[in-house]
Amino acid sequence: MGTEPPAQANSLFVTSLERGFAVLEAVGNERRDVGVTEIAAKTGLDKSAAQRFAFTLHALGYLEKNPTTRRFRLSRRVLGLAHAYLRTDPLVELATPYLADLRQSCQKRVDLSLLDGFDIVYVVRLQSQREAFGATVIGRRIPAFCSSGGRAMLSLLPKEEARALVDRSPRKPLTPHTITDVEAVMAQIARAGRDGFAVCIQEALMGEIVVAAPVVDMQGRPRGAVHIAMALADHDENEVRAKFAPMAVAAARLISGGGY
């Protein structure tokens, strides 16, 4: 079977639009204002092209520009795209009331993640206590190979497909506890397949232990994962597996049974 040609080779592909989104992502990936020279360096564009794309995105309302420094950041208009996605995604709508009930039951942070390429992305996050801001924002991405939700979802894929994703992932450790060895990660995925859930301890965030169970569609393919996250100082792995894992599994089954 031949390999499908890249989308960029198709005559319908608009390269200038790709470059515009590259500029938007280059600005969005930073937690500070970004100048044209840095945008050019991050995107591979020359400075003149980077300036034109940034000017256009600013004129369209997707970038804000500091009048003093002339540096850019994302604008509030970008939130409209996120809102449109969240209010039209059927899984988000179906899962939210079950997640609210789960948070009430477990009194811990509850999340819903989706698999997106090599990452999981959080689309629902329900806090139960004061936590680090960056760890609780919708849209946060974590590599699937080192997240409980990612491993839970990968455990339901054919082994070759899961391994290919792990192999191709840039396995950069997020903490000193992140497992990056392919065989060790695959062993964790296999355990998740046997258990029906995955547990990660301080692999994405220091001091945090997370259990996640997969949400499946009508064909049994993984479409998301329900997470319960808590402080490792308050709960050890045995307690998480015995007490909180069944809660995550039950919620994931209810969501899956909703016919998504």
C-alpha atoms as a PDB file:
ATOM      1  CA  MET A   1       0.000   0.000   0.000  1.00  0.00           C
ATOM      2  CA  GLY A   2       1.449   3.384  -1.027  1.00  0.00           C
ATOM      3  CA  THR A   3       2.015   6.230   1.366  1.00  0.00           C
ATOM      4  CA  GLU A   4      -0.503   9.047   1.078  1.00  0.00           C
ATOM      5  CA  PRO A   5       1.215  12.202  -0.256  1.00  0.00           C
ATOM      6  CA  PRO A   6       1.508  15.125   2.155  1.00  0.00           C
ATOM      7  CA  ALA A   7      -1.292  17.674   2.118  1.00  0.00           C
ATOM      8  CA  GLN A   8       1.201  20.357   1.050  1.00  0.00           C
ATOM      9  CA  ALA A   9       1.563  18.564  -2.293  1.00  0.00           C
ATOM     10  CA  ASN A  10      -2.139  19.007  -3.088  1.00  0.00           C
ATOM     11  CA  SER A  11      -3.028  21.876  -5.420  1.00  0.00           C
ATOM     12  CA  LEU A  12      -5.774  22.901  -2.990  1.00  0.00           C
ATOM     13  CA  PHE A  13      -3.235  23.614  -0.236  1.00  0.00           C
ATOM     14  CA  VAL A  14      -2.776  27.353   0.413  1.00  0.00           C
ATOM     15  CA  THR A  15       0.784  27.917   1.557  1.00  0.00           C
ATOM     16  CA  SER A  16       0.231  31.538   2.550  1.00  0.00           C
ATOM     17  CA  LEU A  17      -2.558  30.490   4.909  1.00  0.00           C
ATOM     18  CA  GLU A  18      -0.239  27.912   6.459  1.00  0.00           C
ATOM     19  CA  ARG A  19       2.314  30.651   7.073  1.00  0.00           C
ATOM     20  CA  GLY A  20      -0.296  32.891   8.638  1.00  0.00           C
ATOM     21  CA  PHE A  21      -1.256  30.169  11.109  1.00  0.00           C
ATOM     22  CA  ALA A  22       2.436  29.538  11.798  1.00  0.00           C
ATOM     23  CA  VAL A  23       2.772  33.172  12.851  1.00  0.00           C
ATOM     24  CA  LEU A  24      -0.334  32.911  15.035  1.00  0.00           C
ATOM     25  CA  GLU A  25       1.038  29.790  16.743  1.00  0.00           C
ATOM     26  CA  ALA A  26       4.488  31.340  17.170  1.00  0.00           C
ATOM     27  CA  VAL A  27       2.905  34.192  19.116  1.00  0.00           C
ATOM     28  CA  GLY A  28       0.475  31.954  20.989  1.00  0.00           C
ATOM     29  CA  ASN A  29       3.134  29.545  22.203  1.00  0.00           C
ATOM     30  CA  GLU A  30       4.819  32.266  24.233  1.00  0.00           C
ATOM     31  CA  ARG A  31       3.709  33.618  27.612  1.00  0.00           C
ATOM     32  CA  ARG A  32       5.056  37.057  26.743  1.00  0.00           C
ATOM     33  CA  ASP A  33       4.852  39.559  23.906  1.00  0.00           C
ATOM     34  CA  VAL A  34       6.778  38.582  20.766  1.00  0.00           C
ATOM     35  CA  GLY A  35       8.535  40.836  18.276  1.00  0.00           C
ATOM     36  CA  VAL A  36       8.762  40.507  14.504  1.00  0.00           C
ATOM     37  CA  THR A  37      12.382  39.344  14.581  1.00  0.00           C
ATOM     38  CA  GLU A  38      11.490  36.495  16.944  1.00  0.00           C
ATOM     39  CA  ILE A  39       8.418  35.580  14.887  1.00  0.00           C
ATOM     40  CA  ALA A  40      10.630  35.310  11.822  1.00  0.00           C
ATOM     41  CA  ALA A  41      13.102  33.090  13.667  1.00  0.00           C
ATOM     42  CA  LYS A  42      10.371  30.792  14.983  1.00  0.00           C
ATOM     43  CA  THR A  43       8.548  30.395  11.658  1.00  0.00           C
ATOM     44  CA  GLY A  44      11.439  30.399   9.189  1.00  0.00           C
ATOM     45  CA  LEU A  45       9.984  33.401   7.408  1.00  0.00           C
ATOM     46  CA  ASP A  46      12.092  36.383   6.458  1.00  0.00           C
ATOM     47  CA  LYS A  47      11.528  39.461   8.587  1.00  0.00           C
ATOM     48  CA  SER A  48       9.550  41.288   5.903  1.00  0.00           C
ATOM     49  CA  ALA A  49       7.096  38.388   5.482  1.00  0.00           C
ATOM     50  CA  ALA A  50       6.762  37.976   9.248  1.00  0.00           C
ATOM     51  CA  GLN A  51       5.965  41.668   9.546  1.00  0.00           C
ATOM     52  CA  ARG A  52       3.269  41.470   6.848  1.00  0.00           C
ATOM     53  CA  PHE A  53       1.595  38.443   8.393  1.00  0.00           C
ATOM     54  CA  ALA A  54       1.693  39.961  11.874  1.00  0.00           C
ATOM     55  CA  PHE A  55       0.271  43.233  10.553  1.00  0.00           C
ATOM     56  CA  THR A  56      -2.565  41.379   8.801  1.00  0.00           C
ATOM     57  CA  LEU A  57      -3.433  39.293  11.868  1.00  0.00           C
ATOM     58  CA  HIS A  58      -3.409  42.455  13.957  1.00  0.00           C
ATOM     59  CA  ALA A  59      -5.667  44.213  11.445  1.00  0.00           C
ATOM     60  CA  LEU A  60      -8.072  41.244  11.556  1.00  0.00           C
ATOM     61  CA  GLY A  61      -8.170  41.384  15.339  1.00  0.00           C
ATOM     62  CA  TYR A  62      -6.350  38.125  16.103  1.00  0.00           C
ATOM     63  CA  LEU A  63      -3.224  39.805  17.470  1.00  0.00           C
ATOM     64  CA  GLU A  64      -2.832  42.720  19.853  1.00  0.00           C
ATOM     65  CA  LYS A  65       0.116  45.071  19.487  1.00  0.00           C
ATOM     66  CA  ASN A  66       1.831  46.924  22.295  1.00  0.00           C
ATOM     67  CA  PRO A  67       2.057  50.511  21.014  1.00  0.00           C
ATOM     68  CA  THR A  68       5.255  51.134  22.970  1.00  0.00           C
ATOM     69  CA  THR A  69       7.273  47.987  22.293  1.00  0.00           C
ATOM     70  CA  ARG A  70       5.527  47.099  18.986  1.00  0.00           C
ATOM     71  CA  ARG A  71       5.479  43.484  20.116  1.00  0.00           C
ATOM     72  CA  PHE A  72       2.517  41.134  19.661  1.00  0.00           C
ATOM     73  CA  ARG A  73       0.325  38.843  21.728  1.00  0.00           C
ATOM     74  CA  LEU A  74      -2.862  36.896  21.020  1.00  0.00           C
ATOM     75  CA  SER A  75      -6.060  38.919  21.216  1.00  0.00           C
ATOM     76  CA  ARG A  76      -9.349  38.118  22.910  1.00  0.00           C
ATOM     77  CA  ARG A  77     -10.853  37.370  19.501  1.00  0.00           C
ATOM     78  CA  VAL A  78      -9.007  34.046  19.497  1.00  0.00           C
ATOM     79  CA  LEU A  79     -11.218  32.976  22.416  1.00  0.00           C
ATOM     80  CA  GLY A  80     -14.183  33.088  20.055  1.00  0.00           C
ATOM     81  CA  LEU A  81     -12.739  30.179  18.097  1.00  0.00           C
ATOM     82  CA  ALA A  82     -12.200  28.164  21.276  1.00  0.00           C
ATOM     83  CA  HIS A  83     -15.733  28.930  22.439  1.00  0.00           C
ATOM     84  CA  ALA A  84     -17.175  27.898  19.077  1.00  0.00           C
ATOM     85  CA  TYR A  85     -15.339  24.582  19.246  1.00  0.00           C
ATOM     86  CA  LEU A  86     -16.364  23.794  22.821  1.00  0.00           C
ATOM     87  CA  ARG A  87     -20.047  24.622  22.341  1.00  0.00           C
ATOM     88  CA  THR A  88     -20.334  22.525  19.174  1.00  0.00           C
ATOM     89  CA  ASP A  89     -18.293  19.459  20.135  1.00  0.00           C
ATOM     90  CA  PRO A  90     -20.779  16.682  20.986  1.00  0.00           C
ATOM     91  CA  LEU A  91     -18.445  14.880  23.393  1.00  0.00           C
ATOM     92  CA  VAL A  92     -17.826  18.034  25.442  1.00  0.00           C
ATOM     93  CA  GLU A  93     -21.576  18.646  25.694  1.00  0.00           C
ATOM     94  CA  LEU A  94     -22.330  15.034  26.599  1.00  0.00           C
ATOM     95  CA  ALA A  95     -19.509  14.668  29.126  1.00  0.00           C
ATOM     96  CA  THR A  96     -19.818  17.911  31.079  1.00  0.00           C
ATOM     97  CA  PRO A  97     -22.727  16.976  33.401  1.00  0.00           C
ATOM     98  CA  TYR A  98     -21.130  13.596  34.177  1.00  0.00           C
ATOM     99  CA  LEU A  99     -17.848  15.327  34.951  1.00  0.00           C
ATOM    100  CA  ALA A 100     -19.620  17.775  37.266  1.00  0.00           C
ATOM    101  CA  ASP A 101     -21.156  14.838  39.148  1.00  0.00           C
ATOM    102  CA  LEU A 102     -17.757  13.148  39.324  1.00  0.00           C
ATOM    103  CA  ARG A 103     -16.114  16.229  40.789  1.00  0.00           C
ATOM    104  CA  GLN A 104     -18.845  16.415  43.405  1.00  0.00           C
ATOM    105  CA  SER A 105     -18.252  12.778  44.323  1.00  0.00           C
ATOM    106  CA  CYS A 106     -14.466  12.754  44.443  1.00  0.00           C
ATOM    107  CA  GLN A 107     -13.807  16.362  45.476  1.00  0.00           C
ATOM    108  CA  LYS A 108     -10.758  16.460  43.203  1.00  0.00           C
ATOM    109  CA  ARG A 109      -9.937  18.165  39.909  1.00  0.00           C
ATOM    110  CA  VAL A 110     -11.693  16.430  37.039  1.00  0.00           C
ATOM    111  CA  ASP A 111     -10.673  16.812  33.386  1.00  0.00           C
ATOM    112  CA  LEU A 112     -11.706  15.602  29.956  1.00  0.00           C
ATOM    113  CA  SER A 113      -8.952  15.252  27.360  1.00  0.00           C
ATOM    114  CA  LEU A 114      -8.909  14.416  23.662  1.00  0.00           C
ATOM    115  CA  LEU A 115      -6.120  12.804  21.660  1.00  0.00           C
ATOM    116  CA  ASP A 116      -4.670  15.213  19.087  1.00  0.00           C
ATOM    117  CA  GLY A 117      -1.652  13.974  17.190  1.00  0.00           C
ATOM    118  CA  PHE A 118       1.132  13.213  19.654  1.00  0.00           C
ATOM    119  CA  ASP A 119      -0.607  15.113  22.457  1.00  0.00           C
ATOM    120  CA  ILE A 120      -3.665  15.155  24.595  1.00  0.00           C
ATOM    121  CA  VAL A 121      -5.504  18.454  24.877  1.00  0.00           C
ATOM    122  CA  TYR A 122      -7.749  19.316  27.811  1.00  0.00           C
ATOM    123  CA  VAL A 123     -11.221  20.489  26.763  1.00  0.00           C
ATOM    124  CA  VAL A 124     -12.999  20.409  30.153  1.00  0.00           C
ATOM    125  CA  ARG A 125     -11.284  21.204  33.481  1.00  0.00           C
ATOM    126  CA  LEU A 126     -13.243  21.367  36.720  1.00  0.00           C
ATOM    127  CA  GLN A 127     -11.207  22.515  39.714  1.00  0.00           C
ATOM    128  CA  SER A 128     -11.943  21.512  43.277  1.00  0.00           C
ATOM    129  CA  GLN A 129      -9.282  23.517  45.085  1.00  0.00           C
ATOM    130  CA  ARG A 130      -6.625  26.148  44.509  1.00  0.00           C
ATOM    131  CA  GLU A 131      -4.040  24.856  42.059  1.00  0.00           C
ATOM    132  CA  ALA A 132      -1.288  26.172  39.819  1.00  0.00           C
ATOM    133  CA  PHE A 133      -2.943  28.338  37.155  1.00  0.00           C
ATOM    134  CA  GLY A 134      -1.087  26.885  34.185  1.00  0.00           C
ATOM    135  CA  ALA A 135      -2.074  23.339  35.113  1.00  0.00           C
ATOM    136  CA  THR A 136      -5.811  24.021  35.017  1.00  0.00           C
ATOM    137  CA  VAL A 137      -6.412  26.007  31.827  1.00  0.00           C
ATOM    138  CA  ILE A 138      -8.540  24.571  29.013  1.00  0.00           C
ATOM    139  CA  GLY A 139      -6.480  23.948  25.900  1.00  0.00           C
ATOM    140  CA  ARG A 140      -3.356  22.854  27.754  1.00  0.00           C
ATOM    141  CA  ARG A 141      -1.428  20.175  25.880  1.00  0.00           C
ATOM    142  CA  ILE A 142       0.624  17.316  27.310  1.00  0.00           C
ATOM    143  CA  PRO A 143       2.417  14.599  25.327  1.00  0.00           C
ATOM    144  CA  ALA A 144       0.206  11.521  25.185  1.00  0.00           C
ATOM    145  CA  PHE A 145       3.055   9.123  25.971  1.00  0.00           C
ATOM    146  CA  CYS A 146       3.544  10.516  29.496  1.00  0.00           C
ATOM    147  CA  SER A 147      -0.043  11.340  30.472  1.00  0.00           C
ATOM    148  CA  SER A 148      -2.564   9.051  32.124  1.00  0.00           C
ATOM    149  CA  GLY A 149      -5.241  10.042  29.619  1.00  0.00           C
ATOM    150  CA  GLY A 150      -2.933   9.466  26.691  1.00  0.00           C
ATOM    151  CA  ARG A 151      -1.903   6.023  27.899  1.00  0.00           C
ATOM    152  CA  ALA A 152      -5.509   5.102  28.640  1.00  0.00           C
ATOM    153  CA  MET A 153      -6.525   6.007  25.088  1.00  0.00           C
ATOM    154  CA  LEU A 154      -3.466   4.403  23.485  1.00  0.00           C
ATOM    155  CA  SER A 155      -4.220   1.168  25.335  1.00  0.00           C
ATOM    156  CA  LEU A 156      -7.322   0.739  23.162  1.00  0.00           C
ATOM    157  CA  LEU A 157      -5.512   1.190  19.861  1.00  0.00           C
ATOM    158  CA  PRO A 158      -3.877  -1.715  18.014  1.00  0.00           C
ATOM    159  CA  LYS A 159      -0.466  -2.258  19.571  1.00  0.00           C
ATOM    160  CA  GLU A 160       1.377  -1.359  16.350  1.00  0.00           C
ATOM    161  CA  GLU A 161      -0.530   1.917  16.061  1.00  0.00           C
ATOM    162  CA  ALA A 162       0.150   2.858  19.673  1.00  0.00           C
ATOM    163  CA  ARG A 163       3.835   1.989  19.375  1.00  0.00           C
ATOM    164  CA  ALA A 164       4.173   4.027  16.183  1.00  0.00           C
ATOM    165  CA  LEU A 165       2.749   7.062  17.957  1.00  0.00           C
ATOM    166  CA  VAL A 166       5.094   6.625  20.923  1.00  0.00           C
ATOM    167  CA  ASP A 167       8.071   6.019  18.612  1.00  0.00           C
ATOM    168  CA  ARG A 168       7.423   9.219  16.647  1.00  0.00           C
ATOM    169  CA  SER A 169       6.669  11.355  19.686  1.00  0.00           C
ATOM    170  CA  PRO A 170       9.344  13.842  20.763  1.00  0.00           C
ATOM    171  CA  ARG A 171       9.817  12.210  24.160  1.00  0.00           C
ATOM    172  CA  LYS A 172      11.207  15.183  26.040  1.00  0.00           C
ATOM    173  CA  PRO A 173      10.822  14.704  29.812  1.00  0.00           C
ATOM    174  CA  LEU A 174       8.518  17.176  31.549  1.00  0.00           C
ATOM    175  CA  THR A 175       9.796  16.294  35.029  1.00  0.00           C
ATOM    176  CA  PRO A 176      12.588  14.119  36.459  1.00  0.00           C
ATOM    177  CA  HIS A 177       9.956  11.352  36.760  1.00  0.00           C
ATOM    178  CA  THR A 178       8.798  11.312  33.124  1.00  0.00           C
ATOM    179  CA  ILE A 179       9.207   7.864  31.566  1.00  0.00           C
ATOM    180  CA  THR A 180      10.671   8.297  28.067  1.00  0.00           C
ATOM    181  CA  ASP A 181      11.949   4.820  27.154  1.00  0.00           C
ATOM    182  CA  VAL A 182       9.676   3.356  24.470  1.00  0.00           C
ATOM    183  CA  GLU A 183       9.545  -0.133  25.976  1.00  0.00           C
ATOM    184  CA  ALA A 184       8.807   1.223  29.441  1.00  0.00           C
ATOM    185  CA  VAL A 185       6.039   3.445  28.062  1.00  0.00           C
ATOM    186  CA  MET A 186       4.552   0.527  26.127  1.00  0.00           C
ATOM    187  CA  ALA A 187       4.572  -1.528  29.334  1.00  0.00           C
ATOM    188  CA  GLN A 188       2.561   1.214  31.039  1.00  0.00           C
ATOM    189  CA  ILE A 189       0.135   1.291  28.108  1.00  0.00           C
ATOM    190  CA  ALA A 190      -0.251  -2.492  28.273  1.00  0.00           C
ATOM    191  CA  ARG A 191      -1.014  -2.265  31.993  1.00  0.00           C
ATOM    192  CA  ALA A 192      -3.624   0.391  31.287  1.00  0.00           C
ATOM    193  CA  GLY A 193      -5.216  -1.990  28.801  1.00  0.00           C
ATOM    194  CA  ARG A 194      -5.405  -4.727  31.442  1.00  0.00           C
ATOM    195  CA  ASP A 195      -6.636  -2.445  34.224  1.00  0.00           C
ATOM    196  CA  GLY A 196      -9.028  -0.294  32.202  1.00  0.00           C
ATOM    197  CA  PHE A 197      -7.300   2.873  33.439  1.00  0.00           C
ATOM    198  CA  ALA A 198      -3.859   4.466  33.683  1.00  0.00           C
ATOM    199  CA  VAL A 199      -2.048   6.144  36.571  1.00  0.00           C
ATOM    200  CA  CYS A 200       0.779   8.653  36.167  1.00  0.00           C
ATOM    201  CA  ILE A 201       2.816   9.873  39.112  1.00  0.00           C
ATOM    202  CA  GLN A 202       4.624  13.195  38.722  1.00  0.00           C
ATOM    203  CA  GLU A 203       5.319  12.560  35.039  1.00  0.00           C
ATOM    204  CA  ALA A 204       3.700  15.759  33.766  1.00  0.00           C
ATOM    205  CA  LEU A 205       3.651  17.886  36.912  1.00  0.00           C
ATOM    206  CA  MET A 206       5.658  17.548  40.102  1.00  0.00           C
ATOM    207  CA  GLY A 207       3.614  16.614  43.152  1.00  0.00           C
ATOM    208  CA  GLU A 208       0.628  15.386  41.132  1.00  0.00           C
ATOM    209  CA  ILE A 209      -0.846  11.910  40.689  1.00  0.00           C
ATOM    210  CA  VAL A 210      -3.507  11.396  38.020  1.00  0.00           C
ATOM    211  CA  VAL A 211      -5.749   8.488  37.092  1.00  0.00           C
ATOM    212  CA  ALA A 212      -7.585   8.399  33.763  1.00  0.00           C
ATOM    213  CA  ALA A 213     -10.028   6.087  32.009  1.00  0.00           C
ATOM    214  CA  PRO A 214     -10.798   6.067  28.277  1.00  0.00           C
ATOM    215  CA  VAL A 215     -14.027   7.219  26.635  1.00  0.00           C
ATOM    216  CA  VAL A 216     -14.906   5.241  23.506  1.00  0.00           C
ATOM    217  CA  ASP A 217     -17.240   5.798  20.566  1.00  0.00           C
ATOM    218  CA  MET A 218     -19.853   3.409  19.180  1.00  0.00           C
ATOM    219  CA  GLN A 219     -17.114   1.457  17.371  1.00  0.00           C
ATOM    220  CA  GLY A 220     -15.003   1.089  20.508  1.00  0.00           C
ATOM    221  CA  ARG A 221     -12.340   3.539  19.363  1.00  0.00           C
ATOM    222  CA  PRO A 222     -10.896   5.866  22.026  1.00  0.00           C
ATOM    223  CA  ARG A 223     -12.217   9.420  21.707  1.00  0.00           C
ATOM    224  CA  GLY A 224     -11.262  10.954  25.030  1.00  0.00           C
ATOM    225  CA  ALA A 225     -10.305  10.297  28.624  1.00  0.00           C
ATOM    226  CA  VAL A 226     -11.695  11.208  32.026  1.00  0.00           C
ATOM    227  CA  HIS A 227      -9.019  12.308  34.506  1.00  0.00           C
ATOM    228  CA  ILE A 228      -9.019  12.672  38.273  1.00  0.00           C
ATOM    229  CA  ALA A 229      -5.993  14.608  39.505  1.00  0.00           C
ATOM    230  CA  MET A 230      -4.798  15.143  43.064  1.00  0.00           C
ATOM    231  CA  ALA A 231      -1.791  15.942  45.213  1.00  0.00           C
ATOM    232  CA  LEU A 232       0.633  13.080  45.766  1.00  0.00           C
ATOM    233  CA  ALA A 233       1.197  14.398  49.286  1.00  0.00           C
ATOM    234  CA  ASP A 234      -2.413  13.522  50.112  1.00  0.00           C
ATOM    235  CA  HIS A 235      -2.913  10.238  48.245  1.00  0.00           C
ATOM    236  CA  ASP A 236      -0.604   7.367  47.362  1.00  0.00           C
ATOM    237  CA  GLU A 237      -0.830   5.126  44.300  1.00  0.00           C
ATOM    238  CA  ASN A 238      -2.608   2.286  46.117  1.00  0.00           C
ATOM    239  CA  GLU A 239      -5.380   4.597  47.272  1.00  0.00           C
ATOM    240  CA  VAL A 240      -5.725   6.147  43.830  1.00  0.00           C
ATOM    241  CA  ARG A 241      -6.083   2.742  42.216  1.00  0.00           C
ATOM    242  CA  ALA A 242      -8.492   1.405  44.823  1.00  0.00           C
ATOM    243  CA  LYS A 243     -10.691   4.465  45.400  1.00  0.00           C
ATOM    244  CA  PHE A 244     -10.453   6.931  42.515  1.00  0.00           C
ATOM    245  CA  ALA A 245      -9.828   4.666  39.520  1.00  0.00           C
ATOM    246  CA  PRO A 246     -13.287   3.028  39.772  1.00  0.00           C
ATOM    247  CA  MET A 247     -14.841   6.507  39.829  1.00  0.00           C
ATOM    248  CA  ALA A 248     -13.012   7.525  36.655  1.00  0.00           C
ATOM    249  CA  VAL A 249     -13.890   4.247  34.927  1.00  0.00           C
ATOM    250  CA  ALA A 250     -17.568   4.556  35.867  1.00  0.00           C
ATOM    251  CA  ALA A 251     -17.784   8.128  34.572  1.00  0.00           C
ATOM    252  CA  ALA A 252     -16.011   7.208  31.327  1.00  0.00           C
ATOM    253  CA  ARG A 253     -18.442   4.332  30.771  1.00  0.00           C
ATOM    254  CA  LEU A 254     -21.446   6.586  31.352  1.00  0.00           C
ATOM    255  CA  ILE A 255     -20.115   9.072  28.812  1.00  0.00           C
ATOM    256  CA  SER A 256     -19.305   6.296  26.335  1.00  0.00           C
ATOM    257  CA  GLY A 257     -22.804   4.887  26.822  1.00  0.00           C
ATOM    258  CA  GLY A 258     -24.278   8.227  25.825  1.00  0.00           C
ATOM    259  CA  GLY A 259     -23.839   7.260  22.199  1.00  0.00           C
ATOM    260  CA  TYR A 260     -20.954   9.513  21.225  1.00  0.00           C
END
